[in-house]
Amino acid sequence: MSRIVLSLSLLVALFALLSLTTLQPKSFEEVKKPNIIVILADDMGYSDIGCFGSEIRTPHLDDMARSGLKLTQFYNASRCCPSRASLLTGLYQHQAGVGDMVNTRPQPAYQGYLNDSCVTIAEALKAGGYATFMTGKWHVGEKRPHWPLDRGFDRYFGLINGANSYFSLRPYRPRQKLTIALDNEEFVPGKGFYSTDAYTDYALKFLEGNRNSNKPFFLYLAYQAPHWPLHALPEDIARYRDRYAKGWDALRLERFRRMQQLGVLDKNAQLSPRDEHVPAWETASKEVQHDWQEKMAVYAAMVDRMDQNIGRLRQWLRQSGQEKNTLVVFLSDNGASYENVDGPGFTPEILEARTKPASDSSSFTAYAYPGANVSNTPFRYYKHLVYEGGIATPFVASFPGFIRPGRSSSQPAHVVDLMATCLDLAGVAYPRTFQNRPVKPTEGISLKPLLKGTAWKGHDALFWEHEGARAVRQGNWKLVSLYPENVWRLYDLKTDRSELRDLAAQKPQKVQQLAALYDSWATRAGVIPFKLIDRGEN
């Protein structure tokens, strides 16, 4: 009898052990083909989500940060097209053919669409057995055969171009053609269309359609939000109607203090001075103050709605049982934009629409310097430039059971690293050739060790160039210059992340060393001095 009891006890213990084992998260090595989702915001500043210091309501991104990983020194390529080209290919944008924008130019590094010497994440993962989907803004090739399905995606819905109304197709420049596409066909939005919702709707349709297949999936969800024009839904705007009455000075300071409390910034960090284009809040007229509050309420509503849609996507992952086998990454394509809707580049109809309140769905406005200065707290400068305000992005990654909750890292990483990371996690080798064409070696380094919480060697140096703005970072040293000034300035980012103290005169040898690094990279990447680039278009 005692033997029977002992045997039963052993069986119970063994069953409990097996049950416990099955409940434990699998290692990366055991999950050979995880699903991968990359979410990209458009023109969103460094401090625009709650887990990076914002007053804007972003509970789903904040939850991703609490349950996952924040990278506080992650970088993009300073502007829409270059960042997207680097993200998709694991190359610096010049190497992929998008050294500037989507203008067609004779120089290979500036042809304006992804070239034949690169391979996209979608192409590489598709060859490795993945289903590949994209929704949102493409902006790395406006003509066929340079659309998403031409570059490895199985399904696509979104805006081929760089900007548009969130409610309809609305060209904003003379003789401009804008295209929303479903796969390879033009799509005309109907009543009730709002692009942020629509991109998520189609993403969920694509994922649901893949549900019964045996294929893991890669989804690239490139939201248009919060790029101008400022367009939001009334119920979202209402949430922020009175939130910005304190003005830009008080709000920058509040964000800065929260960022220090959250550990996004060191305790020795400094808030950069108010931008020279922005007056002190108390000196601005009541009309200017009211207009800014309106614009910021709409801007905040756009970010809020994007977060709501990220929540919808995460809910689908949970309900479909995919959450624990899915890496979700979120970042922005550049810093906040100071651009305004103004000047001869816009149609008369759009210039008239910019005078309407931002909450009016027929308006066409931007929040310009005052809003961008808040969004980029605590940094100087903006999108297009390669100071931290142009290239630093909030980065959040969630992978339940794999990433230890609540982790944060300040190691410098770059958008070129996403290709290597995706392929590493998927167990897919980066190809030397694709469709019988040689492919440039990737510039990225897999972030898998950072995700796992182990040592990551990182980059020896990182580089930037966009329309004459140049930078190189090695360790904590960053060398940067603006165009057409073309003067190198040196900053120690360990003690001066906001780039307020130029040390170039004190450390000429360091300037020389970093400038030589930059020159060597620029030659290898195919960078041409901006003044020499043929700026004509076809």
Protein backbone atom coordinates (compact mmCIF):
# COMPACT_ATOMS: atom_id res chain seq x y z
CA MET A 1 0.00 0.00 0.00
CA SER A 2 2.81 2.38 0.96
CA ARG A 3 4.46 1.70 -2.40
CA ILE A 4 1.25 2.62 -4.23
CA VAL A 5 0.93 5.86 -2.24
CA LEU A 6 4.57 6.66 -2.93
CA SER A 7 4.10 5.99 -6.63
CA LEU A 8 1.02 8.20 -6.76
CA SER A 9 2.91 10.95 -4.93
CA LEU A 10 5.73 10.73 -7.44
CA LEU A 11 3.28 10.88 -10.34
CA VAL A 12 1.58 13.95 -8.86
CA ALA A 13 4.93 15.62 -8.30
CA LEU A 14 6.04 14.77 -11.84
CA PHE A 15 2.76 16.12 -13.28
CA ALA A 16 3.14 19.33 -11.28
CA LEU A 17 6.71 19.73 -12.48
CA LEU A 18 5.69 19.21 -16.09
CA SER A 19 2.80 21.66 -15.72
CA LEU A 20 5.09 24.26 -14.19
CA THR A 21 7.60 23.75 -16.98
CA THR A 22 5.00 24.30 -19.66
CA LEU A 23 3.96 27.56 -18.00
CA GLN A 24 7.48 28.95 -18.00
CA PRO A 25 8.38 31.27 -20.89
CA LYS A 26 10.44 29.64 -23.57
CA SER A 27 13.93 30.81 -24.32
CA PHE A 28 14.77 32.70 -27.50
CA GLU A 29 16.43 29.56 -28.81
CA GLU A 30 13.24 27.53 -28.33
CA VAL A 31 11.09 30.05 -30.21
CA LYS A 32 12.61 29.70 -33.66
CA LYS A 33 10.15 31.89 -35.51
CA PRO A 34 8.58 34.60 -33.34
CA ASN A 35 6.16 37.07 -34.84
CA ILE A 36 7.61 40.56 -35.23
CA ILE A 37 5.77 43.89 -35.27
CA VAL A 38 7.57 47.19 -35.92
CA ILE A 39 5.46 50.29 -35.24
CA LEU A 40 6.75 53.61 -36.54
CA ALA A 41 5.36 57.03 -35.59
CA ASP A 42 5.84 59.98 -37.95
CA ASP A 43 7.42 63.26 -36.78
CA MET A 44 6.83 62.47 -33.10
CA GLY A 45 9.17 64.12 -30.60
CA TYR A 46 11.39 62.45 -28.00
CA SER A 47 9.16 63.33 -25.03
CA ASP A 48 5.73 62.82 -26.61
CA ILE A 49 4.69 59.56 -24.91
CA GLY A 50 3.97 59.07 -21.23
CA CYS A 51 6.85 56.69 -20.46
CA PHE A 52 9.23 59.32 -21.87
CA GLY A 53 7.77 62.21 -19.89
CA SER A 54 4.67 63.40 -21.74
CA GLU A 55 1.35 64.57 -20.34
CA ILE A 56 -0.30 62.90 -23.36
CA ARG A 57 -2.29 59.80 -22.47
CA THR A 58 -0.47 56.73 -23.88
CA PRO A 59 -1.38 53.85 -21.53
CA HIS A 60 -0.62 51.08 -24.04
CA LEU A 61 2.87 52.29 -24.87
CA ASP A 62 3.48 52.94 -21.18
CA ASP A 63 2.42 49.38 -20.41
CA MET A 64 4.81 48.10 -23.08
CA ALA A 65 7.59 49.99 -21.33
CA ARG A 66 6.64 48.63 -17.89
CA SER A 67 6.51 45.07 -19.17
CA GLY A 68 9.42 45.40 -21.57
CA LEU A 69 12.42 47.51 -22.50
CA LYS A 70 13.06 51.23 -23.02
CA LEU A 71 16.11 52.40 -24.95
CA THR A 72 16.79 56.01 -24.04
CA GLN A 73 19.57 56.65 -26.58
CA PHE A 74 18.11 55.14 -29.72
CA TYR A 75 18.55 57.01 -33.00
CA ASN A 76 16.82 57.49 -36.33
CA ALA A 77 18.16 59.13 -39.50
CA SER A 78 16.58 62.58 -38.87
CA ARG A 79 13.87 62.59 -41.54
CA CYS A 80 11.00 60.51 -42.94
CA CYS A 81 12.44 58.86 -46.07
CA PRO A 82 16.00 58.29 -44.81
CA SER A 83 14.82 56.67 -41.56
CA ARG A 84 12.38 54.41 -43.41
CA ALA A 85 15.05 53.34 -45.88
CA SER A 86 17.45 52.51 -43.04
CA LEU A 87 14.80 50.70 -41.02
CA LEU A 88 13.72 48.53 -43.93
CA THR A 89 17.20 47.66 -45.22
CA GLY A 90 19.64 47.74 -42.31
CA LEU A 91 21.80 50.15 -44.30
CA TYR A 92 22.50 53.83 -44.03
CA GLN A 93 20.02 55.58 -46.29
CA HIS A 94 22.58 56.60 -48.93
CA GLN A 95 23.57 52.96 -49.40
CA ALA A 96 19.91 52.10 -50.02
CA GLY A 97 19.41 54.87 -52.60
CA VAL A 98 17.45 57.33 -50.44
CA GLY A 99 20.21 59.69 -49.33
CA ASP A 100 17.84 62.63 -49.42
CA MET A 101 14.12 62.45 -50.23
CA VAL A 102 12.10 60.71 -52.97
CA ASN A 103 13.17 63.12 -55.72
CA THR A 104 14.65 61.25 -58.69
CA ARG A 105 18.28 62.32 -59.05
CA PRO A 106 21.11 60.90 -61.16
CA GLN A 107 23.45 60.08 -58.27
CA PRO A 108 22.98 56.43 -57.13
CA ALA A 109 22.83 57.34 -53.44
CA TYR A 110 20.07 59.90 -54.15
CA GLN A 111 17.85 58.14 -56.69
CA GLY A 112 14.79 58.48 -54.42
CA TYR A 113 13.70 54.84 -54.03
CA LEU A 114 15.14 51.63 -52.61
CA ASN A 115 17.85 50.35 -54.94
CA ASP A 116 18.73 46.87 -56.19
CA SER A 117 21.77 46.62 -53.91
CA CYS A 118 19.67 46.31 -50.76
CA VAL A 119 17.25 43.75 -49.41
CA THR A 120 14.30 44.67 -47.19
CA ILE A 121 13.32 43.00 -43.93
CA ALA A 122 10.18 41.81 -45.71
CA GLU A 123 12.13 40.25 -48.56
CA ALA A 124 14.55 38.48 -46.23
CA LEU A 125 11.87 37.23 -43.83
CA LYS A 126 9.56 36.15 -46.64
CA ALA A 127 12.37 33.98 -48.00
CA GLY A 128 12.67 32.59 -44.47
CA GLY A 129 9.04 31.47 -44.33
CA TYR A 130 7.31 34.54 -42.93
CA ALA A 131 4.07 36.16 -43.98
CA THR A 132 4.82 39.85 -44.48
CA PHE A 133 2.38 42.72 -44.06
CA MET A 134 2.55 46.49 -44.07
CA THR A 135 0.08 49.26 -43.38
CA GLY A 136 0.68 53.00 -43.26
CA LYS A 137 3.12 55.41 -44.83
CA TRP A 138 5.59 53.98 -47.36
CA HIS A 139 7.55 57.00 -48.71
CA VAL A 140 10.57 55.15 -50.12
CA GLY A 141 9.44 54.95 -53.75
CA GLU A 142 6.36 56.63 -55.19
CA LYS A 143 6.17 54.89 -58.57
CA ARG A 144 5.88 51.24 -59.57
CA PRO A 145 7.84 49.00 -59.38
CA HIS A 146 8.94 50.49 -56.06
CA TRP A 147 5.84 49.94 -53.93
CA PRO A 148 5.63 47.64 -50.89
CA LEU A 149 4.53 44.51 -52.77
CA ASP A 150 7.49 45.05 -55.10
CA ARG A 151 9.79 44.89 -52.06
CA GLY A 152 8.67 41.75 -50.28
CA PHE A 153 5.34 42.50 -48.62
CA ASP A 154 2.45 40.07 -49.18
CA ARG A 155 -0.24 42.65 -48.36
CA TYR A 156 -0.25 46.44 -48.07
CA PHE A 157 -2.63 49.23 -47.26
CA GLY A 158 -1.63 52.84 -46.80
CA LEU A 159 -0.23 56.11 -48.09
CA ILE A 160 2.48 55.75 -50.72
CA ASN A 161 3.56 59.39 -50.32
CA GLY A 162 4.89 61.48 -47.45
CA ALA A 163 1.87 63.36 -46.07
CA ASN A 164 -1.86 63.73 -46.58
CA SER A 165 -5.11 64.63 -44.89
CA TYR A 166 -6.16 62.06 -42.29
CA PHE A 167 -9.74 62.14 -43.58
CA SER A 168 -9.46 61.96 -47.37
CA LEU A 169 -7.12 62.25 -50.35
CA ARG A 170 -6.13 65.91 -50.43
CA PRO A 171 -3.14 67.09 -52.51
CA TYR A 172 -1.44 70.06 -50.87
CA ARG A 173 1.10 71.08 -53.51
CA PRO A 174 0.48 72.21 -57.12
CA ARG A 175 0.32 69.33 -59.65
CA GLN A 176 0.72 66.78 -56.87
CA LYS A 177 -0.62 63.23 -57.07
CA LEU A 178 -1.20 61.44 -53.78
CA THR A 179 -1.98 57.75 -53.62
CA ILE A 180 -3.57 55.56 -51.00
CA ALA A 181 -3.17 51.95 -52.10
CA LEU A 182 -4.56 48.56 -51.21
CA ASP A 183 -1.91 46.14 -52.37
CA ASN A 184 -1.09 47.45 -55.88
CA GLU A 185 -4.39 49.21 -56.57
CA GLU A 186 -5.37 52.79 -55.82
CA PHE A 187 -7.88 53.12 -53.00
CA VAL A 188 -10.39 55.94 -52.54
CA PRO A 189 -11.31 56.51 -48.88
CA GLY A 190 -14.99 56.79 -48.08
CA LYS A 191 -17.06 58.50 -45.42
CA GLY A 192 -15.80 58.04 -41.87
CA PHE A 193 -12.21 57.39 -42.95
CA TYR A 194 -9.51 58.34 -40.44
CA SER A 195 -6.08 57.10 -41.46
CA THR A 196 -4.78 56.06 -38.02
CA ASP A 197 -7.82 53.84 -37.48
CA ALA A 198 -7.76 52.56 -41.07
CA TYR A 199 -4.12 51.47 -40.90
CA THR A 200 -4.91 49.42 -37.82
CA ASP A 201 -8.11 48.04 -39.35
CA TYR A 202 -6.21 46.65 -42.30
CA ALA A 203 -3.33 45.41 -40.17
CA LEU A 204 -5.82 43.37 -38.14
CA LYS A 205 -7.51 42.10 -41.34
CA PHE A 206 -4.17 40.93 -42.69
CA LEU A 207 -3.21 39.24 -39.41
CA GLU A 208 -6.60 37.58 -39.09
CA GLY A 209 -6.25 36.29 -42.63
CA ASN A 210 -2.94 34.69 -41.68
CA ARG A 211 -4.30 33.14 -38.50
CA ASN A 212 -4.88 29.62 -39.88
CA SER A 213 -1.58 29.43 -41.71
CA ASN A 214 1.54 27.91 -40.21
CA LYS A 215 3.53 31.02 -41.02
CA PRO A 216 4.87 33.45 -38.44
CA PHE A 217 4.28 37.05 -39.45
CA PHE A 218 6.17 40.30 -39.82
CA LEU A 219 4.05 43.46 -39.62
CA TYR A 220 5.41 46.92 -40.33
CA LEU A 221 2.82 49.42 -39.10
CA ALA A 222 3.95 52.89 -40.14
CA TYR A 223 1.47 55.38 -38.74
CA GLN A 224 1.19 58.76 -40.45
CA ALA A 225 0.50 60.33 -37.04
CA PRO A 226 1.36 62.86 -35.76
CA HIS A 227 2.81 64.39 -38.97
CA TRP A 228 1.04 67.56 -40.12
CA PRO A 229 -1.71 68.40 -40.96
CA LEU A 230 -3.11 68.44 -37.44
CA HIS A 231 -6.20 66.26 -37.80
CA ALA A 232 -7.92 64.45 -34.94
CA LEU A 233 -11.33 63.13 -33.94
CA PRO A 234 -13.57 65.35 -31.77
CA GLU A 235 -13.80 62.91 -28.88
CA ASP A 236 -10.00 62.73 -28.64
CA ILE A 237 -9.54 66.50 -28.90
CA ALA A 238 -12.02 67.04 -26.06
CA ARG A 239 -9.70 65.19 -23.70
CA TYR A 240 -7.02 67.89 -24.10
CA ARG A 241 -9.08 71.08 -24.45
CA ASP A 242 -7.69 72.72 -21.30
CA ARG A 243 -4.46 70.77 -20.93
CA TYR A 244 -2.17 73.32 -22.59
CA ALA A 245 -3.34 76.53 -20.93
CA LYS A 246 -0.12 76.67 -18.89
CA GLY A 247 1.86 77.44 -22.04
CA TRP A 248 4.98 76.05 -23.63
CA ASP A 249 7.49 77.17 -21.00
CA ALA A 250 5.72 75.50 -18.08
CA LEU A 251 5.03 72.35 -20.08
CA ARG A 252 8.65 71.94 -21.17
CA LEU A 253 9.76 72.21 -17.56
CA GLU A 254 7.12 69.71 -16.40
CA ARG A 255 8.17 67.21 -19.06
CA PHE A 256 11.84 67.68 -18.23
CA ARG A 257 11.28 66.94 -14.55
CA ARG A 258 9.18 63.86 -15.31
CA MET A 259 11.88 62.58 -17.67
CA GLN A 260 14.42 62.80 -14.86
CA GLN A 261 12.04 61.07 -12.45
CA LEU A 262 11.45 58.28 -14.97
CA GLY A 263 15.18 57.81 -15.59
CA VAL A 264 14.89 58.81 -19.25
CA LEU A 265 17.37 61.61 -18.48
CA ASP A 266 20.18 61.62 -15.95
CA LYS A 267 19.93 63.80 -12.89
CA ASN A 268 22.73 65.98 -14.32
CA ALA A 269 20.79 66.63 -17.55
CA GLN A 270 19.93 70.20 -18.51
CA LEU A 271 16.89 71.62 -20.22
CA SER A 272 17.92 73.50 -23.36
CA PRO A 273 16.87 77.16 -23.55
CA ARG A 274 13.61 77.99 -25.25
CA ASP A 275 14.09 78.07 -29.02
CA GLU A 276 15.01 81.49 -30.41
CA HIS A 277 11.96 81.39 -32.71
CA VAL A 278 9.62 81.08 -29.71
CA PRO A 279 8.80 84.02 -27.41
CA ALA A 280 8.29 83.72 -23.67
CA TRP A 281 4.75 82.43 -23.07
CA GLU A 282 3.67 85.43 -21.02
CA THR A 283 4.71 87.82 -23.82
CA ALA A 284 2.65 86.05 -26.49
CA SER A 285 -0.68 87.59 -27.42
CA LYS A 286 -3.93 86.00 -26.26
CA GLU A 287 -4.67 85.11 -29.87
CA VAL A 288 -1.33 83.31 -30.27
CA GLN A 289 -1.79 81.52 -26.95
CA HIS A 290 -5.28 80.34 -27.85
CA ASP A 291 -4.18 79.17 -31.30
CA TRP A 292 -1.30 77.19 -29.78
CA GLN A 293 -3.51 75.56 -27.17
CA GLU A 294 -5.88 74.48 -29.92
CA LYS A 295 -3.07 73.02 -32.02
CA MET A 296 -1.51 71.20 -29.09
CA ALA A 297 -4.86 69.70 -28.10
CA VAL A 298 -5.23 68.30 -31.63
CA TYR A 299 -1.61 67.10 -31.71
CA ALA A 300 -2.03 65.33 -28.38
CA ALA A 301 -5.26 63.77 -29.63
CA MET A 302 -3.40 62.35 -32.64
CA VAL A 303 -0.80 60.68 -30.41
CA ASP A 304 -3.56 59.48 -28.08
CA ARG A 305 -5.49 57.90 -30.98
CA MET A 306 -2.32 56.18 -32.21
CA ASP A 307 -1.85 54.68 -28.74
CA GLN A 308 -5.48 53.55 -28.70
CA ASN A 309 -4.86 51.71 -31.95
CA ILE A 310 -1.70 50.11 -30.60
CA GLY A 311 -3.97 48.89 -27.80
CA ARG A 312 -6.29 47.32 -30.38
CA LEU A 313 -3.35 45.50 -31.93
CA ARG A 314 -2.12 44.22 -28.57
CA GLN A 315 -5.63 43.06 -27.70
CA TRP A 316 -5.71 41.01 -30.90
CA LEU A 317 -2.39 39.44 -29.97
CA ARG A 318 -3.77 38.42 -26.58
CA GLN A 319 -7.07 37.10 -27.92
CA SER A 320 -5.37 35.12 -30.69
CA GLY A 321 -2.84 33.61 -28.31
CA GLN A 322 0.07 35.28 -30.12
CA GLU A 323 1.19 37.77 -27.47
CA LYS A 324 3.90 35.64 -25.85
CA ASN A 325 5.43 34.78 -29.19
CA THR A 326 5.49 38.32 -30.60
CA LEU A 327 8.10 41.05 -30.40
CA VAL A 328 6.54 44.52 -30.66
CA VAL A 329 8.83 47.51 -31.22
CA PHE A 330 7.82 51.18 -31.25
CA LEU A 331 9.86 54.21 -32.35
CA SER A 332 9.61 57.49 -34.29
CA ASP A 333 11.15 58.27 -37.69
CA ASN A 334 12.66 61.59 -36.59
CA GLY A 335 12.37 64.30 -33.99
CA ALA A 336 9.46 66.72 -33.87
CA SER A 337 8.95 68.94 -36.90
CA TYR A 338 9.23 72.73 -36.82
CA GLU A 339 7.81 72.90 -40.36
CA ASN A 340 4.84 75.13 -41.03
CA VAL A 341 2.17 75.08 -43.71
CA ASP A 342 3.23 78.27 -45.45
CA GLY A 343 4.69 79.73 -48.62
CA PRO A 344 4.47 79.16 -52.38
CA GLY A 345 4.96 75.39 -52.08
CA PHE A 346 1.33 74.94 -51.03
CA THR A 347 -1.86 75.36 -53.06
CA PRO A 348 -4.11 78.39 -52.46
CA GLU A 349 -6.78 76.08 -51.04
CA ILE A 350 -4.36 74.70 -48.45
CA LEU A 351 -3.07 78.17 -47.52
CA GLU A 352 -6.67 79.16 -46.90
CA ALA A 353 -7.30 76.00 -44.87
CA ARG A 354 -4.36 76.76 -42.54
CA THR A 355 -6.29 79.77 -41.18
CA LYS A 356 -9.05 77.52 -39.80
CA PRO A 357 -8.97 76.17 -36.24
CA ALA A 358 -6.94 72.97 -36.00
CA SER A 359 -9.96 71.14 -34.60
CA ASP A 360 -11.84 71.78 -37.87
CA SER A 361 -11.53 68.66 -40.04
CA SER A 362 -11.22 70.85 -43.16
CA SER A 363 -8.21 72.72 -41.74
CA PHE A 364 -4.59 72.10 -42.73
CA THR A 365 -2.25 73.31 -40.00
CA ALA A 366 1.03 72.55 -38.18
CA TYR A 367 2.21 73.31 -34.66
CA ALA A 368 5.56 74.73 -35.89
CA TYR A 369 8.40 75.85 -33.61
CA PRO A 370 6.44 76.31 -30.34
CA GLY A 371 4.94 72.82 -30.45
CA ALA A 372 8.09 71.09 -31.68
CA ASN A 373 10.16 72.74 -28.95
CA VAL A 374 7.88 71.10 -26.36
CA SER A 375 7.84 67.74 -28.15
CA ASN A 376 11.63 67.57 -28.28
CA THR A 377 12.17 68.35 -24.58
CA PRO A 378 14.95 68.65 -23.43
CA PHE A 379 16.84 68.92 -26.72
CA ARG A 380 17.73 71.61 -29.21
CA TYR A 381 16.67 71.62 -32.85
CA TYR A 382 14.31 69.41 -34.82
CA LYS A 383 13.60 66.99 -37.63
CA HIS A 384 15.96 67.34 -40.60
CA LEU A 385 18.90 68.37 -38.39
CA VAL A 386 21.28 65.94 -36.68
CA TYR A 387 21.40 67.38 -33.18
CA GLU A 388 19.65 65.17 -30.61
CA GLY A 389 16.36 66.97 -31.26
CA GLY A 390 16.40 65.67 -34.83
CA ILE A 391 17.67 62.12 -34.36
CA ALA A 392 16.77 60.88 -30.86
CA THR A 393 13.66 58.71 -30.70
CA PRO A 394 11.73 57.12 -27.86
CA PHE A 395 12.14 53.35 -28.27
CA VAL A 396 9.99 50.75 -26.53
CA ALA A 397 10.09 46.97 -27.04
CA SER A 398 7.71 44.39 -25.62
CA PHE A 399 8.16 40.61 -25.74
CA PRO A 400 6.33 39.02 -22.78
CA GLY A 401 8.30 36.23 -21.16
CA PHE A 402 11.51 37.14 -22.96
CA ILE A 403 12.26 40.72 -21.97
CA ARG A 404 12.51 41.18 -18.23
CA PRO A 405 9.84 43.74 -17.24
CA GLY A 406 10.75 47.37 -16.64
CA ARG A 407 14.23 47.30 -18.12
CA SER A 408 15.95 50.39 -19.53
CA SER A 409 19.24 50.86 -21.35
CA SER A 410 21.15 53.97 -22.36
CA GLN A 411 23.46 52.20 -24.84
CA PRO A 412 23.41 54.02 -28.19
CA ALA A 413 21.63 52.06 -30.93
CA HIS A 414 20.31 52.97 -34.36
CA VAL A 415 17.44 52.22 -36.72
CA VAL A 416 19.86 50.24 -38.93
CA ASP A 417 19.90 47.65 -36.13
CA LEU A 418 16.29 46.57 -36.66
CA MET A 419 17.04 44.48 -39.75
CA ALA A 420 19.76 42.49 -37.95
CA THR A 421 17.52 42.09 -34.90
CA CYS A 422 14.55 40.77 -36.86
CA LEU A 423 16.64 38.28 -38.80
CA ASP A 424 18.51 37.14 -35.69
CA LEU A 425 15.29 36.42 -33.78
CA ALA A 426 13.77 34.72 -36.82
CA GLY A 427 16.81 32.53 -37.39
CA VAL A 428 17.17 33.88 -40.93
CA ALA A 429 20.60 34.68 -42.33
CA TYR A 430 21.23 38.07 -43.89
CA PRO A 431 21.66 37.30 -47.61
CA ARG A 432 24.77 38.01 -49.63
CA THR A 433 22.67 38.02 -52.78
CA PHE A 434 18.98 38.49 -53.50
CA GLN A 435 17.30 37.56 -56.78
CA ASN A 436 20.75 36.97 -58.25
CA ARG A 437 21.91 40.45 -57.29
CA PRO A 438 24.71 41.17 -54.78
CA VAL A 439 23.47 42.84 -51.59
CA LYS A 440 25.46 45.30 -49.51
CA PRO A 441 26.43 43.96 -46.05
CA THR A 442 24.21 45.22 -43.27
CA GLU A 443 25.43 48.09 -41.10
CA GLY A 444 23.29 47.00 -38.16
CA ILE A 445 24.00 44.90 -35.09
CA SER A 446 21.33 42.65 -33.59
CA LEU A 447 19.70 44.03 -30.45
CA LYS A 448 18.91 40.50 -29.25
CA PRO A 449 21.39 40.71 -26.33
CA LEU A 450 19.77 43.95 -25.17
CA LEU A 451 16.36 42.31 -25.35
CA LYS A 452 17.65 39.38 -23.31
CA GLY A 453 19.38 41.63 -20.79
CA THR A 454 22.89 40.40 -21.58
CA ALA A 455 26.00 42.29 -22.66
CA TRP A 456 25.74 44.00 -26.05
CA LYS A 457 28.89 45.17 -27.81
CA GLY A 458 27.11 47.98 -29.65
CA HIS A 459 28.62 50.16 -32.38
CA ASP A 460 32.12 51.54 -32.54
CA ALA A 461 30.61 54.65 -34.12
CA LEU A 462 27.32 55.88 -35.58
CA PHE A 463 26.94 58.34 -38.46
CA TRP A 464 24.41 60.80 -39.88
CA GLU A 465 24.11 63.02 -42.95
CA HIS A 466 21.05 64.72 -44.33
CA GLU A 467 21.08 67.64 -46.75
CA GLY A 468 24.44 68.81 -45.46
CA ALA A 469 23.78 68.29 -41.74
CA ARG A 470 26.48 65.89 -40.48
CA ALA A 471 27.27 64.01 -37.28
CA VAL A 472 29.29 61.15 -35.86
CA ARG A 473 29.01 59.61 -32.41
CA GLN A 474 31.70 57.42 -30.85
CA GLY A 475 31.22 56.47 -27.23
CA ASN A 476 29.95 59.57 -25.46
CA TRP A 477 31.57 61.96 -27.94
CA LYS A 478 29.47 63.49 -30.67
CA LEU A 479 30.69 65.73 -33.48
CA VAL A 480 27.98 67.65 -35.32
CA SER A 481 27.62 70.42 -37.89
CA LEU A 482 24.77 72.19 -39.65
CA TYR A 483 24.51 73.33 -43.27
CA PRO A 484 25.56 75.78 -44.68
CA GLU A 485 27.61 76.76 -41.61
CA ASN A 486 29.71 73.58 -41.89
CA VAL A 487 31.48 74.12 -38.57
CA TRP A 488 32.21 71.05 -36.45
CA ARG A 489 31.01 71.27 -32.85
CA LEU A 490 31.92 68.73 -30.19
CA TYR A 491 29.79 67.54 -27.28
CA ASP A 492 30.28 65.08 -24.41
CA LEU A 493 26.86 63.43 -24.25
CA LYS A 494 27.61 61.76 -20.93
CA THR A 495 27.50 65.10 -19.17
CA ASP A 496 25.72 67.19 -21.83
CA ARG A 497 23.02 65.23 -23.63
CA SER A 498 21.28 68.49 -24.59
CA GLU A 499 24.40 69.64 -26.50
CA LEU A 500 24.80 72.99 -24.78
CA ARG A 501 28.59 73.15 -24.29
CA ASP A 502 30.73 73.04 -27.43
CA LEU A 503 34.15 71.56 -26.56
CA ALA A 504 35.67 71.75 -30.04
CA ALA A 505 38.13 74.52 -29.17
CA GLN A 506 39.26 72.66 -26.05
CA LYS A 507 39.73 69.29 -27.74
CA PRO A 508 40.96 69.84 -31.32
CA GLN A 509 42.50 66.36 -31.51
CA LYS A 510 39.16 64.72 -30.71
CA VAL A 511 37.52 66.86 -33.42
CA GLN A 512 40.16 65.78 -35.90
CA GLN A 513 39.80 62.12 -34.96
CA LEU A 514 36.00 62.09 -35.26
CA ALA A 515 36.02 64.16 -38.46
CA ALA A 516 38.35 61.59 -40.04
CA LEU A 517 35.96 58.82 -39.00
CA TYR A 518 33.08 60.73 -40.56
CA ASP A 519 34.95 61.36 -43.81
CA SER A 520 35.84 57.68 -44.15
CA TRP A 521 32.23 56.65 -43.56
CA ALA A 522 30.84 59.30 -45.94
CA THR A 523 33.08 58.00 -48.74
CA ARG A 524 32.05 54.40 -48.07
CA ALA A 525 28.33 55.25 -47.87
CA GLY A 526 28.30 57.34 -51.06
CA VAL A 527 27.57 60.69 -49.42
CA ILE A 528 27.96 63.67 -51.76
CA PRO A 529 28.44 67.20 -50.38
CA PHE A 530 24.98 68.75 -50.43
CA LYS A 531 25.96 71.73 -52.57
CA LEU A 532 27.08 69.32 -55.32
CA ILE A 533 23.90 67.25 -55.49
CA ASP A 534 21.79 67.66 -58.62
CA ARG A 535 18.49 68.78 -57.11
CA GLY A 536 16.38 68.43 -60.19
CA GLU A 537 13.32 66.18 -60.23
CA ASN A 538 11.70 63.91 -62.78
